[in-house]
Amino acid sequence: MKRAVLAALLNFFFAGLGYVVLGERRLLGVGWTLAAVGLTYVELSIQTAAPAFYWPMFASVFLLNTCFAVDAYRVGQRLAAADAGAPRGALPA
């Protein structure tokens, strides 16, 4: 459960890094993390260069990171359930 929470937090702040910590989707996680760093740079540049586009960009990145966090949490729960001997695909109670 602790790994699931850690993965969710990491995926919220650095999309993809939570997957790397869980040992799942590692290559995809590294790719998303690098893309998130680049996207953050663009987002911060837009804030001063084109302020009208900043809030839509911020909202989009926030939504994307929230979705990544929820997914990493679910993957972490599934892995914890598998480690505890629960049937594959079952979530802990």
Protein backbone atom coordinates (compact mmCIF):
# COMPACT_ATOMS: atom_id res chain seq x y z
CA MET A 1 0.00 0.00 0.00
CA LYS A 2 2.86 2.40 0.80
CA ARG A 3 4.39 1.76 -2.62
CA ALA A 4 1.06 2.52 -4.27
CA VAL A 5 0.83 5.88 -2.49
CA LEU A 6 4.46 6.71 -3.30
CA ALA A 7 3.93 5.78 -6.96
CA ALA A 8 0.79 7.93 -7.11
CA LEU A 9 2.60 10.94 -5.65
CA LEU A 10 5.57 10.50 -7.97
CA ASN A 11 3.29 10.12 -10.99
CA PHE A 12 1.42 13.27 -10.03
CA PHE A 13 4.54 15.43 -9.83
CA PHE A 14 6.64 13.62 -12.46
CA ALA A 15 4.35 11.70 -14.81
CA GLY A 16 5.80 8.22 -15.34
CA LEU A 17 8.23 8.09 -12.43
CA GLY A 18 5.77 6.16 -10.27
CA TYR A 19 5.77 3.33 -12.80
CA VAL A 20 9.54 3.13 -12.61
CA VAL A 21 9.39 2.83 -8.80
CA LEU A 22 6.79 0.06 -9.09
CA GLY A 23 8.90 -1.77 -11.67
CA GLU A 24 6.04 -1.67 -14.17
CA ARG A 25 6.08 -0.06 -17.61
CA ARG A 26 9.64 1.14 -16.98
CA LEU A 27 10.49 2.28 -20.50
CA LEU A 28 7.15 4.06 -20.82
CA GLY A 29 7.68 5.61 -17.38
CA VAL A 30 11.08 7.01 -18.30
CA GLY A 31 9.69 8.38 -21.57
CA TRP A 32 6.76 10.05 -19.82
CA THR A 33 9.05 11.54 -17.17
CA LEU A 34 11.30 13.09 -19.80
CA ALA A 35 8.27 14.37 -21.69
CA ALA A 36 6.82 15.82 -18.47
CA VAL A 37 10.02 17.75 -17.79
CA GLY A 38 9.87 19.20 -21.30
CA LEU A 39 6.18 19.98 -20.98
CA THR A 40 6.78 21.75 -17.67
CA TYR A 41 9.44 23.90 -19.34
CA VAL A 42 6.99 24.83 -22.11
CA GLU A 43 4.23 25.47 -19.57
CA LEU A 44 6.41 27.88 -17.60
CA SER A 45 7.57 29.62 -20.79
CA ILE A 46 3.99 30.13 -21.92
CA GLN A 47 3.18 31.85 -18.63
CA THR A 48 5.12 34.94 -19.68
CA ALA A 49 5.13 34.64 -23.48
CA ALA A 50 1.42 33.88 -23.98
CA PRO A 51 -0.45 34.30 -20.69
CA ALA A 52 -3.84 33.55 -22.27
CA PHE A 53 -2.68 29.99 -22.95
CA TYR A 54 -1.19 29.36 -19.51
CA TRP A 55 -4.36 28.36 -17.63
CA PRO A 56 -5.64 25.93 -20.29
CA MET A 57 -2.15 24.40 -20.39
CA PHE A 58 -1.99 24.24 -16.59
CA ALA A 59 -5.43 22.59 -16.38
CA SER A 60 -4.46 20.05 -19.05
CA VAL A 61 -1.22 19.12 -17.29
CA PHE A 62 -3.04 18.91 -13.94
CA LEU A 63 -5.65 16.55 -15.40
CA LEU A 64 -2.98 14.44 -17.10
CA ASN A 65 -0.94 14.14 -13.89
CA THR A 66 -4.05 13.29 -11.85
CA CYS A 67 -4.90 10.47 -14.27
CA PHE A 68 -1.34 9.15 -14.07
CA ALA A 69 -1.47 9.27 -10.26
CA VAL A 70 -4.74 7.31 -10.12
CA ASP A 71 -3.41 4.71 -12.55
CA ALA A 72 -0.14 4.27 -10.63
CA TYR A 73 -2.11 3.86 -7.40
CA ARG A 74 -4.25 1.14 -8.99
CA VAL A 75 -1.20 -0.64 -10.40
CA GLY A 76 0.45 -0.47 -6.96
CA GLN A 77 -2.67 -1.91 -5.31
CA ARG A 78 -2.81 -4.73 -7.85
CA LEU A 79 0.85 -5.55 -7.27
CA ALA A 80 0.35 -5.51 -3.49
CA ALA A 81 -2.63 -7.86 -3.84
CA ALA A 82 -0.57 -10.21 -6.01
CA ASP A 83 2.23 -10.19 -3.43
CA ALA A 84 -0.32 -11.06 -0.73
CA GLY A 85 -1.50 -14.06 -2.74
CA ALA A 86 -4.82 -12.66 -3.96
CA PRO A 87 -6.14 -13.80 -7.34
CA ARG A 88 -4.75 -11.91 -10.33
CA GLY A 89 -6.67 -8.69 -11.03
CA ALA A 90 -8.25 -8.55 -7.57
CA LEU A 91 -7.91 -5.39 -5.51
CA PRO A 92 -7.25 -5.51 -1.75
CA ALA A 93 -10.29 -5.03 0.46
